[in-house]
Amino acid sequence: MIKLLTIVALSVSLFANDIITKESDFTVNETINNIKNIVKAKGFGVFAIIDHKANGKTVDMSLNETKVIIFGNPKVGTRLMQEDISIALDLPLRMLVYKDTDGKVKLSYRDGSWIKSHHNLQSKNLTNKVNAGMDKISDKARLKVN
């Protein structure tokens, strides 16, 4: 029984780390605009902003505010793709910003260690840099500075 509980707990903890979710002090639109401004200031490209709520309306379905911003830095992305072209399935980077059922705005993105573990990437420094960058971007975009 103890072995089974240990395996279950380990499995849950492994899956729990795939997506990083943080609460935002801003509205969905403000958070998206913050991300857009931050990544553009860093010289990244913003490739798309997908409005899932608006898309749902086109088929007469409702959804809380939900947007995905897709952005990236070709210098970093190309280096990662040179190691394993299949990472192109997970690039450019993206962040999900949504209003949950309690009315709280949240920001989510995939943990870089998940990406590294699912692709044949060797450059630990580069994936650590991506992780640190996503952490900084998300914190700066979601927190009001007093």
N, C-alpha and C. Protein backbone atom coordinates (compact mmCIF):
# COMPACT_ATOMS: atom_id res chain seq x y z
N MET A 1 0.82 -1.20 0.00
CA MET A 1 0.00 0.00 0.00
C MET A 1 0.86 1.26 0.00
N ILE A 2 1.92 1.27 0.81
CA ILE A 2 2.79 2.44 0.88
C ILE A 2 3.48 2.67 -0.47
N LYS A 3 3.88 1.56 -1.14
CA LYS A 3 4.51 1.68 -2.45
C LYS A 3 3.54 2.32 -3.46
N LEU A 4 2.30 1.89 -3.42
CA LEU A 4 1.29 2.43 -4.33
C LEU A 4 1.07 3.92 -4.07
N LEU A 5 0.96 4.32 -2.82
CA LEU A 5 0.79 5.73 -2.49
C LEU A 5 1.99 6.56 -2.91
N THR A 6 3.18 6.01 -2.76
CA THR A 6 4.40 6.71 -3.17
C THR A 6 4.41 6.92 -4.67
N ILE A 7 4.05 5.89 -5.42
CA ILE A 7 4.01 5.99 -6.88
C ILE A 7 2.97 7.01 -7.32
N VAL A 8 1.79 6.98 -6.72
CA VAL A 8 0.74 7.94 -7.07
C VAL A 8 1.20 9.36 -6.75
N ALA A 9 1.77 9.58 -5.58
CA ALA A 9 2.24 10.92 -5.20
C ALA A 9 3.32 11.40 -6.13
N LEU A 10 4.23 10.54 -6.50
CA LEU A 10 5.31 10.90 -7.42
C LEU A 10 4.75 11.25 -8.79
N SER A 11 3.80 10.47 -9.27
CA SER A 11 3.18 10.73 -10.57
C SER A 11 2.47 12.07 -10.59
N VAL A 12 1.70 12.36 -9.53
CA VAL A 12 0.97 13.62 -9.45
C VAL A 12 1.96 14.79 -9.44
N SER A 13 3.04 14.66 -8.67
CA SER A 13 4.00 15.77 -8.60
C SER A 13 4.69 15.98 -9.92
N LEU A 14 4.94 14.92 -10.67
CA LEU A 14 5.57 15.09 -11.98
C LEU A 14 4.64 15.82 -12.94
N PHE A 15 3.38 15.44 -12.97
CA PHE A 15 2.44 16.08 -13.88
C PHE A 15 2.09 17.50 -13.44
N ALA A 16 2.13 17.77 -12.16
CA ALA A 16 1.77 19.09 -11.65
C ALA A 16 2.77 20.15 -12.09
N ASN A 17 3.96 19.76 -12.48
CA ASN A 17 4.99 20.72 -12.86
C ASN A 17 4.98 21.08 -14.34
N ASP A 18 4.10 20.49 -15.12
CA ASP A 18 4.07 20.76 -16.56
C ASP A 18 3.64 22.18 -16.89
N ILE A 19 2.68 22.69 -16.15
CA ILE A 19 2.12 24.02 -16.40
C ILE A 19 2.34 24.88 -15.17
N ILE A 20 2.87 26.07 -15.40
CA ILE A 20 3.05 27.03 -14.32
C ILE A 20 1.91 28.03 -14.41
N THR A 21 1.18 28.22 -13.33
CA THR A 21 0.05 29.15 -13.30
C THR A 21 0.24 30.14 -12.17
N LYS A 22 0.02 31.42 -12.50
CA LYS A 22 0.17 32.50 -11.53
C LYS A 22 -1.04 33.41 -11.64
N GLU A 23 -1.44 34.00 -10.53
CA GLU A 23 -2.56 34.93 -10.52
C GLU A 23 -2.07 36.32 -10.93
N SER A 24 -2.90 37.02 -11.70
CA SER A 24 -2.56 38.37 -12.16
C SER A 24 -3.34 39.42 -11.39
N ASP A 25 -2.69 40.55 -11.16
CA ASP A 25 -3.35 41.69 -10.52
C ASP A 25 -4.14 42.53 -11.53
N PHE A 26 -4.04 42.18 -12.81
CA PHE A 26 -4.64 42.96 -13.88
C PHE A 26 -5.77 42.19 -14.55
N THR A 27 -6.50 42.87 -15.44
CA THR A 27 -7.52 42.21 -16.26
C THR A 27 -6.82 41.34 -17.30
N VAL A 28 -7.59 40.53 -17.99
CA VAL A 28 -7.03 39.70 -19.06
C VAL A 28 -6.37 40.59 -20.11
N ASN A 29 -7.09 41.61 -20.58
CA ASN A 29 -6.53 42.48 -21.62
C ASN A 29 -5.28 43.23 -21.15
N GLU A 30 -5.31 43.72 -19.91
CA GLU A 30 -4.14 44.42 -19.38
C GLU A 30 -2.94 43.48 -19.29
N THR A 31 -3.18 42.27 -18.83
CA THR A 31 -2.09 41.30 -18.70
C THR A 31 -1.51 40.96 -20.07
N ILE A 32 -2.38 40.73 -21.05
CA ILE A 32 -1.91 40.46 -22.42
C ILE A 32 -1.10 41.64 -22.94
N ASN A 33 -1.60 42.86 -22.74
CA ASN A 33 -0.87 44.04 -23.21
C ASN A 33 0.47 44.19 -22.49
N ASN A 34 0.50 43.87 -21.20
CA ASN A 34 1.76 43.91 -20.46
C ASN A 34 2.77 42.94 -21.05
N ILE A 35 2.33 41.71 -21.32
CA ILE A 35 3.22 40.71 -21.91
C ILE A 35 3.73 41.22 -23.26
N LYS A 36 2.80 41.72 -24.07
CA LYS A 36 3.17 42.20 -25.41
C LYS A 36 4.22 43.30 -25.31
N ASN A 37 4.03 44.26 -24.43
CA ASN A 37 4.99 45.36 -24.28
C ASN A 37 6.33 44.87 -23.75
N ILE A 38 6.32 43.95 -22.82
CA ILE A 38 7.56 43.42 -22.25
C ILE A 38 8.37 42.68 -23.31
N VAL A 39 7.72 41.78 -24.04
CA VAL A 39 8.48 40.98 -25.01
C VAL A 39 8.96 41.83 -26.18
N LYS A 40 8.15 42.82 -26.59
CA LYS A 40 8.61 43.71 -27.66
C LYS A 40 9.81 44.53 -27.20
N ALA A 41 9.81 44.99 -25.95
CA ALA A 41 10.94 45.76 -25.42
C ALA A 41 12.21 44.91 -25.36
N LYS A 42 12.04 43.59 -25.23
CA LYS A 42 13.19 42.68 -25.22
C LYS A 42 13.64 42.32 -26.64
N GLY A 43 12.94 42.83 -27.64
CA GLY A 43 13.31 42.54 -29.03
C GLY A 43 12.70 41.26 -29.59
N PHE A 44 11.73 40.70 -28.86
CA PHE A 44 11.04 39.49 -29.34
C PHE A 44 9.94 39.90 -30.31
N GLY A 45 9.51 38.97 -31.12
CA GLY A 45 8.37 39.19 -31.98
C GLY A 45 7.10 38.69 -31.32
N VAL A 46 6.00 39.41 -31.52
CA VAL A 46 4.68 38.93 -31.11
C VAL A 46 4.00 38.47 -32.39
N PHE A 47 3.75 37.17 -32.47
CA PHE A 47 3.25 36.58 -33.71
C PHE A 47 1.72 36.54 -33.78
N ALA A 48 1.08 36.40 -32.63
CA ALA A 48 -0.39 36.34 -32.63
C ALA A 48 -0.93 36.48 -31.21
N ILE A 49 -2.15 36.97 -31.15
CA ILE A 49 -2.93 36.93 -29.92
C ILE A 49 -4.25 36.28 -30.31
N ILE A 50 -4.54 35.16 -29.70
CA ILE A 50 -5.73 34.39 -30.03
C ILE A 50 -6.77 34.63 -28.94
N ASP A 51 -7.94 35.05 -29.34
CA ASP A 51 -9.04 35.33 -28.42
C ASP A 51 -10.03 34.17 -28.48
N HIS A 52 -9.88 33.23 -27.56
CA HIS A 52 -10.73 32.03 -27.57
C HIS A 52 -12.19 32.35 -27.25
N LYS A 53 -12.44 33.35 -26.42
CA LYS A 53 -13.82 33.73 -26.10
C LYS A 53 -14.53 34.23 -27.37
N ALA A 54 -13.83 35.09 -28.11
CA ALA A 54 -14.41 35.61 -29.36
C ALA A 54 -14.63 34.48 -30.37
N ASN A 55 -13.69 33.55 -30.43
CA ASN A 55 -13.85 32.42 -31.35
C ASN A 55 -15.04 31.56 -30.96
N GLY A 56 -15.24 31.37 -29.65
CA GLY A 56 -16.39 30.60 -29.18
C GLY A 56 -17.71 31.24 -29.56
N LYS A 57 -17.74 32.59 -29.52
CA LYS A 57 -18.97 33.30 -29.89
C LYS A 57 -19.38 33.03 -31.33
N THR A 58 -18.40 32.78 -32.20
CA THR A 58 -18.73 32.53 -33.62
C THR A 58 -19.50 31.23 -33.82
N VAL A 59 -19.47 30.36 -32.81
CA VAL A 59 -20.24 29.11 -32.88
C VAL A 59 -21.27 29.05 -31.75
N ASP A 60 -21.68 30.24 -31.30
CA ASP A 60 -22.71 30.37 -30.27
C ASP A 60 -22.39 29.61 -28.99
N MET A 61 -21.13 29.66 -28.58
CA MET A 61 -20.71 29.04 -27.33
C MET A 61 -20.05 30.10 -26.46
N SER A 62 -20.25 29.98 -25.15
CA SER A 62 -19.68 30.98 -24.25
C SER A 62 -18.45 30.42 -23.54
N LEU A 63 -17.58 31.34 -23.19
CA LEU A 63 -16.33 31.01 -22.51
C LEU A 63 -15.90 32.25 -21.75
N ASN A 64 -15.32 32.08 -20.58
CA ASN A 64 -14.74 33.22 -19.88
C ASN A 64 -13.64 33.82 -20.76
N GLU A 65 -13.25 35.05 -20.44
CA GLU A 65 -12.17 35.68 -21.19
C GLU A 65 -10.95 34.74 -21.19
N THR A 66 -10.47 34.43 -22.38
CA THR A 66 -9.35 33.51 -22.53
C THR A 66 -8.57 33.93 -23.77
N LYS A 67 -7.30 34.32 -23.55
CA LYS A 67 -6.45 34.72 -24.67
C LYS A 67 -5.10 34.04 -24.56
N VAL A 68 -4.52 33.75 -25.70
CA VAL A 68 -3.17 33.20 -25.78
C VAL A 68 -2.33 34.17 -26.59
N ILE A 69 -1.17 34.52 -26.05
CA ILE A 69 -0.23 35.37 -26.77
C ILE A 69 0.95 34.49 -27.18
N ILE A 70 1.30 34.56 -28.46
CA ILE A 70 2.38 33.75 -29.03
C ILE A 70 3.51 34.69 -29.41
N PHE A 71 4.69 34.40 -28.88
CA PHE A 71 5.83 35.30 -29.09
C PHE A 71 7.13 34.50 -29.09
N GLY A 72 8.18 35.14 -29.57
CA GLY A 72 9.45 34.43 -29.54
C GLY A 72 10.62 35.25 -30.00
N ASN A 73 11.77 34.65 -29.83
CA ASN A 73 13.04 35.22 -30.24
C ASN A 73 13.68 34.23 -31.21
N PRO A 74 13.70 34.54 -32.51
CA PRO A 74 14.23 33.60 -33.49
C PRO A 74 15.68 33.15 -33.21
N LYS A 75 16.44 34.00 -32.56
CA LYS A 75 17.83 33.64 -32.23
C LYS A 75 17.86 32.43 -31.29
N VAL A 76 17.01 32.44 -30.28
CA VAL A 76 16.95 31.33 -29.32
C VAL A 76 16.20 30.15 -29.92
N GLY A 77 15.06 30.41 -30.53
CA GLY A 77 14.25 29.33 -31.10
C GLY A 77 14.99 28.56 -32.17
N THR A 78 15.71 29.25 -33.02
CA THR A 78 16.46 28.58 -34.08
C THR A 78 17.55 27.69 -33.49
N ARG A 79 18.23 28.19 -32.45
CA ARG A 79 19.27 27.37 -31.81
C ARG A 79 18.67 26.10 -31.20
N LEU A 80 17.49 26.22 -30.60
CA LEU A 80 16.83 25.04 -30.05
C LEU A 80 16.42 24.08 -31.17
N MET A 81 15.90 24.62 -32.27
CA MET A 81 15.49 23.76 -33.39
C MET A 81 16.68 23.09 -34.06
N GLN A 82 17.86 23.71 -34.01
CA GLN A 82 19.06 23.08 -34.55
C GLN A 82 19.42 21.83 -33.75
N GLU A 83 19.06 21.81 -32.47
CA GLU A 83 19.31 20.63 -31.64
C GLU A 83 18.27 19.54 -31.89
N ASP A 84 17.02 19.94 -32.02
CA ASP A 84 15.94 18.97 -32.26
C ASP A 84 14.79 19.71 -32.94
N ILE A 85 14.61 19.43 -34.22
CA ILE A 85 13.60 20.15 -35.02
C ILE A 85 12.19 19.94 -34.47
N SER A 86 11.95 18.85 -33.74
CA SER A 86 10.59 18.61 -33.23
C SER A 86 10.16 19.65 -32.21
N ILE A 87 11.11 20.41 -31.65
CA ILE A 87 10.72 21.46 -30.71
C ILE A 87 9.91 22.55 -31.40
N ALA A 88 9.96 22.58 -32.72
CA ALA A 88 9.14 23.54 -33.47
C ALA A 88 7.66 23.36 -33.17
N LEU A 89 7.27 22.18 -32.71
CA LEU A 89 5.88 21.96 -32.31
C LEU A 89 5.51 22.75 -31.07
N ASP A 90 6.50 23.13 -30.26
CA ASP A 90 6.26 23.88 -29.03
C ASP A 90 6.77 25.32 -29.10
N LEU A 91 7.22 25.73 -30.26
CA LEU A 91 7.67 27.11 -30.47
C LEU A 91 6.80 27.75 -31.53
N PRO A 92 6.62 29.03 -31.54
CA PRO A 92 7.10 30.00 -30.58
C PRO A 92 6.48 29.77 -29.21
N LEU A 93 7.05 30.46 -28.23
CA LEU A 93 6.56 30.39 -26.87
C LEU A 93 5.17 31.01 -26.78
N ARG A 94 4.44 30.64 -25.75
CA ARG A 94 3.09 31.20 -25.58
C ARG A 94 2.72 31.28 -24.12
N MET A 95 1.85 32.20 -23.84
CA MET A 95 1.28 32.32 -22.50
C MET A 95 -0.24 32.42 -22.64
N LEU A 96 -0.91 31.73 -21.76
CA LEU A 96 -2.37 31.74 -21.68
C LEU A 96 -2.77 32.68 -20.56
N VAL A 97 -3.69 33.59 -20.85
CA VAL A 97 -4.23 34.49 -19.83
C VAL A 97 -5.75 34.30 -19.86
N TYR A 98 -6.33 34.04 -18.69
CA TYR A 98 -7.76 33.75 -18.64
C TYR A 98 -8.37 34.18 -17.32
N LYS A 99 -9.68 34.31 -17.34
CA LYS A 99 -10.44 34.56 -16.11
C LYS A 99 -11.03 33.22 -15.69
N ASP A 100 -10.71 32.79 -14.48
CA ASP A 100 -11.21 31.49 -14.02
C ASP A 100 -12.66 31.59 -13.55
N THR A 101 -13.20 30.48 -13.09
CA THR A 101 -14.61 30.46 -12.69
C THR A 101 -14.89 31.30 -11.45
N ASP A 102 -13.85 31.63 -10.69
CA ASP A 102 -14.01 32.51 -9.52
C ASP A 102 -13.79 33.97 -9.87
N GLY A 103 -13.58 34.28 -11.15
CA GLY A 103 -13.38 35.66 -11.57
C GLY A 103 -11.95 36.15 -11.43
N LYS A 104 -11.03 35.27 -11.05
CA LYS A 104 -9.63 35.65 -10.92
C LYS A 104 -8.93 35.50 -12.27
N VAL A 105 -8.03 36.45 -12.55
CA VAL A 105 -7.27 36.39 -13.80
C VAL A 105 -6.00 35.61 -13.52
N LYS A 106 -5.72 34.66 -14.39
CA LYS A 106 -4.55 33.81 -14.24
C LYS A 106 -3.73 33.81 -15.53
N LEU A 107 -2.46 33.55 -15.34
CA LEU A 107 -1.51 33.48 -16.45
C LEU A 107 -0.83 32.12 -16.35
N SER A 108 -0.79 31.37 -17.46
CA SER A 108 -0.18 30.04 -17.45
C SER A 108 0.75 29.88 -18.63
N TYR A 109 1.78 29.06 -18.42
CA TYR A 109 2.69 28.71 -19.51
C TYR A 109 3.34 27.37 -19.18
N ARG A 110 3.85 26.74 -20.21
CA ARG A 110 4.46 25.44 -20.04
C ARG A 110 5.85 25.59 -19.43
N ASP A 111 6.14 24.77 -18.45
CA ASP A 111 7.45 24.76 -17.80
C ASP A 111 8.50 24.31 -18.81
N GLY A 112 9.60 25.03 -18.90
CA GLY A 112 10.66 24.72 -19.84
C GLY A 112 11.28 23.36 -19.63
N SER A 113 11.25 22.84 -18.41
CA SER A 113 11.81 21.51 -18.17
C SER A 113 10.95 20.45 -18.85
N TRP A 114 9.65 20.69 -18.99
CA TRP A 114 8.79 19.77 -19.73
C TRP A 114 9.22 19.75 -21.19
N ILE A 115 9.44 20.93 -21.75
CA ILE A 115 9.87 21.02 -23.15
C ILE A 115 11.19 20.27 -23.34
N LYS A 116 12.13 20.49 -22.44
CA LYS A 116 13.44 19.83 -22.54
C LYS A 116 13.28 18.32 -22.44
N SER A 117 12.42 17.85 -21.56
CA SER A 117 12.26 16.40 -21.37
C SER A 117 11.52 15.74 -22.54
N HIS A 118 10.78 16.51 -23.33
CA HIS A 118 10.03 15.94 -24.45
C HIS A 118 10.73 16.11 -25.79
N HIS A 119 11.88 16.71 -25.78
CA HIS A 119 12.67 16.89 -27.00
C HIS A 119 14.11 16.54 -26.69
N ASN A 120 14.86 16.24 -27.72
CA ASN A 120 16.26 15.85 -27.55
C ASN A 120 17.15 17.08 -27.49
N LEU A 121 17.02 17.84 -26.40
CA LEU A 121 17.79 19.07 -26.24
C LEU A 121 18.97 18.83 -25.31
N GLN A 122 20.12 19.35 -25.71
CA GLN A 122 21.33 19.17 -24.92
C GLN A 122 21.68 20.43 -24.12
N SER A 123 21.31 21.59 -24.63
CA SER A 123 21.76 22.85 -24.03
C SER A 123 20.94 23.21 -22.80
N LYS A 124 21.39 22.73 -21.65
CA LYS A 124 20.71 23.01 -20.38
C LYS A 124 20.71 24.51 -20.11
N ASN A 125 21.82 25.19 -20.43
CA ASN A 125 21.90 26.63 -20.19
C ASN A 125 20.85 27.39 -20.97
N LEU A 126 20.61 26.98 -22.21
CA LEU A 126 19.63 27.66 -23.04
C LEU A 126 18.21 27.43 -22.52
N THR A 127 17.89 26.21 -22.14
CA THR A 127 16.55 25.96 -21.61
C THR A 127 16.37 26.63 -20.24
N ASN A 128 17.43 26.69 -19.45
CA ASN A 128 17.35 27.43 -18.19
C ASN A 128 17.11 28.92 -18.44
N LYS A 129 17.74 29.43 -19.49
CA LYS A 129 17.56 30.84 -19.86
C LYS A 129 16.11 31.11 -20.29
N VAL A 130 15.55 30.19 -21.05
CA VAL A 130 14.15 30.32 -21.46
C VAL A 130 13.25 30.29 -20.24
N ASN A 131 13.48 29.36 -19.32
CA ASN A 131 12.69 29.27 -18.08
C ASN A 131 12.76 30.55 -17.28
N ALA A 132 13.97 31.05 -17.09
CA ALA A 132 14.15 32.28 -16.31
C ALA A 132 13.45 33.45 -17.00
N GLY A 133 13.54 33.51 -18.32
CA GLY A 133 12.89 34.58 -19.08
C GLY A 133 11.38 34.53 -18.95
N MET A 134 10.80 33.34 -19.07
CA MET A 134 9.35 33.20 -18.94
C MET A 134 8.90 33.58 -17.53
N ASP A 135 9.69 33.22 -16.54
CA ASP A 135 9.37 33.56 -15.15
C ASP A 135 9.38 35.08 -14.96
N LYS A 136 10.40 35.75 -15.48
CA LYS A 136 10.50 37.21 -15.35
C LYS A 136 9.39 37.91 -16.11
N ILE A 137 9.13 37.47 -17.34
CA ILE A 137 8.08 38.09 -18.15
C ILE A 137 6.73 37.94 -17.44
N SER A 138 6.44 36.74 -16.97
CA SER A 138 5.13 36.50 -16.33
C SER A 138 4.98 37.31 -15.05
N ASP A 139 6.03 37.38 -14.25
CA ASP A 139 5.92 38.16 -13.00
C ASP A 139 5.77 39.65 -13.27
N LYS A 140 6.53 40.15 -14.22
CA LYS A 140 6.45 41.58 -14.54
C LYS A 140 5.08 41.93 -15.14
N ALA A 141 4.51 41.01 -15.92
CA ALA A 141 3.23 41.26 -16.58
C ALA A 141 2.04 41.16 -15.66
N ARG A 142 2.16 40.43 -14.56
CA ARG A 142 0.99 40.14 -13.72
C ARG A 142 0.95 40.89 -12.41
N LEU A 143 2.07 41.48 -11.98
CA LEU A 143 2.12 42.10 -10.67
C LEU A 143 2.12 43.63 -10.74
N LYS A 144 1.24 44.24 -9.96
CA LYS A 144 1.25 45.70 -9.85
C LYS A 144 2.39 46.10 -8.93
N VAL A 145 3.14 47.09 -9.34
CA VAL A 145 4.25 47.57 -8.53
C VAL A 145 3.72 48.72 -7.67
N ASN A 146 3.93 48.62 -6.38
CA ASN A 146 3.43 49.65 -5.46
C ASN A 146 4.32 50.85 -5.44
